[in-house]
Amino acid sequence: MGIQQDISEKYNILVTGIGAPGAPSIINKLKKVCSFILGVDCNIEYCASKHFVNVYKQVPKATDKLFFENILKLIKEYNITHIICLVTVELNEFAKYKSVLDELNVKIYIHPEKDITISSNKHNLYEHLKEIIQLPRYIKITLRDIEKNLYLFNYPQKEVCFKPLNLDGARGFRIISNKVNRLKQMMTEKPYNTYTSLDELKFLLNEFDDNYDVLLCEYLPGQEYTVDTFVKNGKLIHHTIRTRLKTKDHISVVGEIVKNDSISEQVFKINSMFNFNGCVGYQFKENIEGIPLLLECNPRLQGGTILSCQDFDYISANITNVKKIKNNKYTKMLRYFQESYE
């Protein structure tokens, strides 16, 4: 069953960012629907996924002016028919050159530049959506203005979190709290903890001259959810909601597909505010009243999307024409590491 597709058609796929944690599962899924996979990354030396693709190449970062020029050469050299982008910062580059890809008959589901810019910036996203859905309390400030604004969130009685506006994953995310034993955490937990104290933050600010714009917002203590969606020319084709039951280094290793009417309603409302085209991911978390509120939007395939493929094949949908959705008995994912050797 699954998505109906013409397996006689030849698909040569370029996958970017194959060093991403979710890349191996995505690549292995792609092998079932294509004949050739070219994988690229800005750091290919220590990239395990290079062993899962037919050919791998190193390319500059998206911020390098030679990025798309290198991509263009590879497209022509390997007769690429489709592109799947796993890196947020590359999305605007592909959107900018969408007309060039169209002329080469290279297919890529990519959102308009404006929608990528809004959805991938935490503050822009919240401002864009604040009239249609309930959001966590938030303000945009600089890192050095955090202390004097904590009272707005009833600190220290309540924990407060902050995150840089344009960074994805857990980069730069911290929870400010005076309720945790930092020494105990250091000695008994692996170093993936996101908590910090106000004193630690002040120490770092005194040590360095750097400053960043951040979103300071209320801490949401409840269950966390991830939503994978597939959108075609602005129309939401399908969405799957999954819990994040266990994470390692902020990567989902145990998750379960669930239904949540409140989240579904919000996803449809959010999608109506954009003209997305392709995969879009969302993170929600419950507040103290158990109401799921939007944390962020990832306008790309997410690392744990492979679990949602048991409900709808999001990865194949980026390549083939969506004709049928399968119902699968598998609803829970347990992810473990697998090694490759050189």
Protein backbone atom coordinates (compact mmCIF):
# COMPACT_ATOMS: atom_id res chain seq x y z
CA MET A 1 0.00 0.00 0.00
CA GLY A 2 1.50 3.35 1.02
CA ILE A 3 1.74 6.19 -1.45
CA GLN A 4 1.07 5.02 -4.98
CA GLN A 5 3.95 5.87 -7.29
CA ASP A 6 5.37 5.05 -10.70
CA ILE A 7 8.48 3.09 -9.72
CA SER A 8 9.54 2.88 -13.36
CA GLU A 9 10.35 6.60 -13.34
CA LYS A 10 13.98 7.44 -12.61
CA TYR A 11 14.59 9.73 -9.66
CA ASN A 12 18.06 11.15 -9.03
CA ILE A 13 17.84 12.83 -5.64
CA LEU A 14 20.11 15.47 -4.15
CA VAL A 15 19.83 15.54 -0.33
CA THR A 16 21.48 18.44 1.48
CA GLY A 17 22.66 18.45 5.08
CA ILE A 18 23.26 14.71 5.32
CA GLY A 19 25.24 15.30 8.50
CA ALA A 20 21.96 16.06 10.28
CA PRO A 21 20.92 13.51 12.96
CA GLY A 22 17.73 12.59 11.11
CA ALA A 23 19.43 12.16 7.74
CA PRO A 24 20.18 8.39 7.90
CA SER A 25 16.53 7.41 8.40
CA ILE A 26 15.40 9.81 5.67
CA ILE A 27 18.03 8.52 3.24
CA ASN A 28 17.13 4.89 3.90
CA LYS A 29 13.48 5.74 3.26
CA LEU A 30 14.39 7.49 -0.01
CA LYS A 31 16.19 4.38 -1.27
CA LYS A 32 12.79 2.75 -1.68
CA VAL A 33 11.56 5.36 -4.15
CA CYS A 34 14.63 6.48 -6.12
CA SER A 35 17.50 5.04 -8.13
CA PHE A 36 20.32 7.39 -7.12
CA ILE A 37 21.07 9.59 -4.08
CA LEU A 38 23.71 12.31 -4.02
CA GLY A 39 24.35 13.54 -0.48
CA VAL A 40 26.05 16.82 0.36
CA ASP A 41 27.13 18.53 3.55
CA CYS A 42 29.48 21.33 4.54
CA ASN A 43 31.45 18.88 6.73
CA ILE A 44 31.60 15.49 5.08
CA GLU A 45 34.65 14.08 6.89
CA TYR A 46 32.84 12.95 10.04
CA CYS A 47 29.47 12.28 8.42
CA ALA A 48 28.16 8.74 8.84
CA SER A 49 25.40 9.27 6.27
CA LYS A 50 27.95 9.40 3.46
CA HIS A 51 28.00 5.60 3.66
CA PHE A 52 24.26 5.42 2.93
CA VAL A 53 24.24 7.46 -0.31
CA ASN A 54 25.54 6.59 -3.78
CA VAL A 55 27.83 9.61 -3.96
CA TYR A 56 28.71 12.24 -1.36
CA LYS A 57 30.26 15.65 -1.85
CA GLN A 58 31.31 18.52 0.37
CA VAL A 59 29.75 21.92 -0.40
CA PRO A 60 30.15 25.38 1.17
CA LYS A 61 27.77 26.58 3.84
CA ALA A 62 24.63 28.32 2.66
CA THR A 63 26.07 31.64 3.85
CA ASP A 64 28.94 31.25 1.35
CA LYS A 65 28.32 33.05 -1.96
CA LEU A 66 29.56 29.94 -3.80
CA PHE A 67 26.95 27.64 -2.22
CA PHE A 68 24.41 27.59 -5.04
CA GLU A 69 27.12 27.63 -7.72
CA ASN A 70 28.45 24.37 -6.27
CA ILE A 71 24.94 22.91 -6.07
CA LEU A 72 24.33 23.87 -9.70
CA LYS A 73 27.47 22.05 -10.86
CA LEU A 74 26.43 18.89 -9.03
CA ILE A 75 22.91 19.05 -10.47
CA LYS A 76 24.31 19.05 -13.99
CA GLU A 77 27.04 16.50 -13.31
CA TYR A 78 24.71 13.91 -11.78
CA ASN A 79 21.50 14.67 -13.73
CA ILE A 80 19.61 15.52 -10.54
CA THR A 81 15.83 15.43 -10.88
CA HIS A 82 14.76 16.29 -7.31
CA ILE A 83 16.19 18.12 -4.29
CA ILE A 84 15.36 17.57 -0.63
CA CYS A 85 16.78 20.18 1.76
CA LEU A 86 17.34 19.28 5.42
CA VAL A 87 19.02 22.55 6.47
CA THR A 88 17.00 25.57 7.53
CA VAL A 89 19.57 28.19 6.50
CA GLU A 90 19.67 26.75 2.97
CA LEU A 91 15.95 27.20 2.36
CA ASN A 92 16.11 30.86 1.37
CA GLU A 93 18.89 30.11 -1.11
CA PHE A 94 16.82 27.45 -2.85
CA ALA A 95 13.76 29.70 -2.81
CA LYS A 96 15.81 32.52 -4.35
CA TYR A 97 16.92 30.30 -7.25
CA LYS A 98 13.66 28.40 -7.72
CA SER A 99 13.27 29.75 -11.28
CA VAL A 100 16.74 28.46 -12.17
CA LEU A 101 15.82 24.99 -10.89
CA ASP A 102 12.55 25.11 -12.84
CA GLU A 103 14.46 25.85 -16.06
CA LEU A 104 16.60 22.76 -15.41
CA ASN A 105 13.45 20.72 -14.69
CA VAL A 106 14.70 20.02 -11.16
CA LYS A 107 11.79 19.58 -8.77
CA ILE A 108 11.91 20.92 -5.23
CA TYR A 109 9.09 21.60 -2.81
CA ILE A 110 10.10 25.00 -1.46
CA HIS A 111 8.20 27.77 0.29
CA PRO A 112 8.21 31.42 -0.82
CA GLU A 113 11.14 33.40 0.62
CA LYS A 114 8.79 35.61 2.64
CA ASP A 115 7.17 32.63 4.34
CA ILE A 116 10.54 31.04 5.13
CA THR A 117 11.80 34.29 6.67
CA ILE A 118 8.71 34.70 8.86
CA SER A 119 8.30 31.09 9.95
CA SER A 120 11.95 30.44 10.82
CA ASN A 121 12.27 33.55 13.03
CA LYS A 122 10.68 33.04 16.45
CA HIS A 123 9.59 36.64 16.95
CA ASN A 124 8.36 37.17 13.39
CA LEU A 125 6.40 33.93 13.64
CA TYR A 126 4.67 34.93 16.88
CA GLU A 127 3.87 38.42 15.61
CA HIS A 128 2.42 36.93 12.43
CA LEU A 129 0.17 34.53 14.36
CA LYS A 130 -0.73 36.40 17.55
CA GLU A 131 -4.22 37.34 16.32
CA ILE A 132 -5.31 33.81 15.39
CA ILE A 133 -3.93 31.42 18.05
CA GLN A 134 -3.03 31.55 21.72
CA LEU A 135 0.73 31.90 22.27
CA PRO A 136 3.06 31.82 25.28
CA ARG A 137 3.71 35.23 26.81
CA TYR A 138 6.80 36.64 25.10
CA ILE A 139 8.90 39.73 24.40
CA LYS A 140 11.76 40.41 22.03
CA ILE A 141 14.84 41.78 23.80
CA THR A 142 18.63 41.46 23.76
CA LEU A 143 20.52 38.92 25.81
CA ARG A 144 21.79 41.68 28.09
CA ASP A 145 18.27 42.90 28.85
CA ILE A 146 17.05 39.56 30.18
CA GLU A 147 17.62 40.24 33.88
CA LYS A 148 15.65 43.48 34.02
CA ASN A 149 12.69 41.90 32.20
CA LEU A 150 12.37 38.69 34.21
CA TYR A 151 9.83 40.27 36.56
CA LEU A 152 7.35 40.36 33.65
CA PHE A 153 7.19 36.56 33.87
CA ASN A 154 6.96 36.35 37.69
CA TYR A 155 10.55 35.16 38.13
CA PRO A 156 11.84 33.59 40.41
CA GLN A 157 8.49 32.05 41.36
CA LYS A 158 8.21 30.82 37.77
CA GLU A 159 10.88 29.59 35.38
CA VAL A 160 11.53 31.63 32.22
CA CYS A 161 13.10 30.55 28.94
CA PHE A 162 14.87 32.33 26.13
CA LYS A 163 16.06 31.45 22.65
CA PRO A 164 17.85 33.29 19.82
CA LEU A 165 15.47 34.32 17.07
CA ASN A 166 17.00 32.54 14.07
CA LEU A 167 18.62 29.40 15.47
CA ASP A 168 16.95 26.01 15.06
CA GLY A 169 17.12 22.87 17.15
CA ALA A 170 18.06 23.60 20.77
CA ARG A 171 20.87 26.00 19.86
CA GLY A 172 20.94 28.84 22.37
CA PHE A 173 17.82 27.68 24.21
CA ARG A 174 17.99 27.94 28.01
CA ILE A 175 15.58 27.81 30.95
CA ILE A 176 16.37 30.26 33.76
CA SER A 177 15.55 28.75 37.12
CA ASN A 178 16.66 29.02 40.74
CA LYS A 179 14.91 25.76 41.64
CA VAL A 180 17.40 23.24 40.32
CA ASN A 181 20.54 21.84 41.91
CA ARG A 182 23.13 22.61 39.23
CA LEU A 183 25.92 20.66 40.96
CA LYS A 184 23.75 17.57 41.20
CA GLN A 185 22.80 17.92 37.55
CA MET A 186 26.44 18.27 36.54
CA MET A 187 27.47 15.16 38.46
CA THR A 188 24.53 12.87 37.70
CA GLU A 189 23.19 13.87 34.27
CA LYS A 190 24.67 13.83 30.80
CA PRO A 191 25.64 17.31 29.56
CA TYR A 192 22.47 17.97 27.59
CA ASN A 193 20.71 20.00 30.27
CA THR A 194 19.12 23.25 29.18
CA TYR A 195 18.77 24.82 32.62
CA THR A 196 20.87 27.75 33.75
CA SER A 197 20.75 30.13 36.69
CA LEU A 198 20.60 33.89 36.52
CA ASP A 199 24.04 34.05 38.18
CA GLU A 200 25.52 31.81 35.45
CA LEU A 201 24.03 33.99 32.74
CA LYS A 202 25.35 37.17 34.38
CA PHE A 203 28.81 35.60 34.67
CA LEU A 204 28.90 34.82 30.95
CA LEU A 205 27.71 38.30 30.06
CA ASN A 206 30.47 39.81 32.18
CA GLU A 207 33.07 37.59 30.50
CA PHE A 208 32.16 38.36 26.88
CA ASP A 209 31.09 41.39 24.85
CA ASP A 210 28.71 39.45 22.61
CA ASN A 211 25.02 40.31 22.49
CA TYR A 212 22.11 38.66 20.69
CA ASP A 213 18.44 39.30 20.06
CA VAL A 214 16.38 36.69 21.88
CA LEU A 215 12.79 35.79 22.55
CA LEU A 216 12.10 35.75 26.28
CA CYS A 217 8.95 33.81 27.10
CA GLU A 218 7.09 31.89 29.75
CA TYR A 219 8.21 28.34 30.46
CA LEU A 220 5.70 25.66 29.46
CA PRO A 221 5.96 22.68 31.84
CA GLY A 222 3.69 20.14 30.12
CA GLN A 223 3.86 17.48 27.41
CA GLU A 224 5.78 18.35 24.26
CA TYR A 225 4.46 17.53 20.78
CA THR A 226 5.90 17.58 17.29
CA VAL A 227 3.71 18.00 14.21
CA ASP A 228 4.78 16.97 10.70
CA THR A 229 2.77 18.46 7.85
CA PHE A 230 2.79 18.20 4.08
CA VAL A 231 1.42 21.18 2.18
CA LYS A 232 0.88 21.48 -1.57
CA ASN A 233 0.54 24.99 -2.97
CA GLY A 234 -0.82 26.29 0.33
CA LYS A 235 -3.26 23.41 0.90
CA LEU A 236 -2.63 21.25 3.94
CA ILE A 237 -2.68 17.68 2.60
CA HIS A 238 -1.92 15.83 5.82
CA HIS A 239 -0.55 16.30 9.32
CA THR A 240 0.65 13.90 11.98
CA ILE A 241 1.00 14.71 15.68
CA ARG A 242 3.57 12.83 17.75
CA THR A 243 4.72 13.09 21.35
CA ARG A 244 8.36 13.46 22.32
CA LEU A 245 8.47 10.82 25.06
CA LYS A 246 12.26 10.70 25.32
CA THR A 247 15.05 12.79 23.84
CA LYS A 248 18.82 12.58 23.71
CA ASP A 249 20.71 15.79 23.00
CA HIS A 250 17.26 17.22 22.13
CA ILE A 251 16.73 14.61 19.41
CA SER A 252 13.61 12.43 19.64
CA VAL A 253 14.52 8.83 20.37
CA VAL A 254 11.11 7.69 21.63
CA GLY A 255 7.92 9.09 20.18
CA GLU A 256 4.31 8.08 19.68
CA ILE A 257 1.67 9.16 17.17
CA VAL A 258 -1.35 10.67 18.91
CA LYS A 259 -4.49 12.67 18.14
CA ASN A 260 -5.03 16.12 19.63
CA ASP A 261 -7.94 18.22 18.36
CA SER A 262 -6.57 21.44 19.83
CA ILE A 263 -3.25 21.08 18.02
CA SER A 264 -4.96 20.04 14.77
CA GLU A 265 -7.15 23.14 14.87
CA GLN A 266 -4.14 25.39 15.45
CA VAL A 267 -2.15 23.77 12.63
CA PHE A 268 -4.92 24.48 10.12
CA LYS A 269 -5.14 28.10 11.32
CA ILE A 270 -1.37 28.58 11.10
CA ASN A 271 -1.20 27.06 7.63
CA SER A 272 -3.90 29.47 6.43
CA MET A 273 -1.52 32.36 7.19
CA PHE A 274 1.18 31.11 4.81
CA ASN A 275 1.56 29.86 1.26
CA PHE A 276 3.70 26.85 2.14
CA ASN A 277 4.68 24.23 -0.41
CA GLY A 278 6.25 21.07 0.99
CA CYS A 279 7.04 19.77 4.46
CA VAL A 280 6.61 22.00 7.52
CA GLY A 281 7.20 20.98 11.14
CA TYR A 282 5.89 22.48 14.38
CA GLN A 283 6.72 22.14 18.06
CA PHE A 284 3.99 22.53 20.70
CA LYS A 285 4.15 22.29 24.49
CA GLU A 286 1.42 22.33 27.12
CA ASN A 287 1.16 25.18 29.61
CA ILE A 288 0.25 24.68 33.26
CA GLU A 289 -3.44 24.39 32.30
CA GLY A 290 -2.66 21.61 29.82
CA ILE A 291 -3.27 23.80 26.75
CA PRO A 292 -0.77 23.08 23.92
CA LEU A 293 0.90 26.29 22.71
CA LEU A 294 3.16 26.80 19.71
CA LEU A 295 6.90 26.88 20.39
CA GLU A 296 8.34 27.14 16.89
CA CYS A 297 8.03 26.29 13.22
CA ASN A 298 10.55 24.42 11.07
CA PRO A 299 9.81 24.94 7.35
CA ARG A 300 11.49 21.66 6.33
CA LEU A 301 11.58 17.92 7.03
CA GLN A 302 12.29 17.33 10.72
CA GLY A 303 14.66 14.78 12.21
CA GLY A 304 11.90 12.60 13.63
CA THR A 305 9.67 12.73 10.55
CA ILE A 306 10.44 9.07 9.94
CA LEU A 307 7.97 8.18 12.74
CA SER A 308 5.22 10.15 11.02
CA CYS A 309 5.92 8.20 7.83
CA GLN A 310 4.12 5.32 9.50
CA ASP A 311 1.00 7.47 9.21
CA PHE A 312 1.73 9.34 5.98
CA ASP A 313 4.82 9.04 3.81
CA TYR A 314 6.09 12.61 4.08
CA ILE A 315 9.47 11.77 2.54
CA SER A 316 8.10 10.06 -0.57
CA ALA A 317 5.53 12.83 -0.90
CA ASN A 318 8.38 15.25 -1.61
CA ILE A 319 9.22 13.22 -4.72
CA THR A 320 6.06 11.54 -6.02
CA ASN A 321 2.53 12.72 -6.63
CA VAL A 322 0.47 12.12 -3.51
CA LYS A 323 -2.40 9.78 -4.39
CA LYS A 324 -3.10 7.64 -1.38
CA ILE A 325 -2.54 7.72 2.38
CA LYS A 326 -1.86 4.49 4.18
CA ASN A 327 -3.07 3.45 7.60
CA ASN A 328 -0.33 1.68 9.53
CA LYS A 329 -0.50 -0.21 12.80
CA TYR A 330 2.84 1.23 13.95
CA THR A 331 2.44 4.30 16.15
CA LYS A 332 5.55 4.30 18.36
CA MET A 333 9.21 4.81 17.46
CA LEU A 334 12.21 3.74 19.54
CA ARG A 335 15.44 5.00 17.97
CA TYR A 336 18.87 3.53 18.61
CA PHE A 337 22.32 4.28 17.28
CA GLN A 338 23.93 2.32 14.44
CA GLU A 339 27.60 2.53 13.50
CA SER A 340 29.36 2.70 10.17
CA TYR A 341 33.05 1.92 9.71
CA GLU A 342 35.79 3.26 7.46
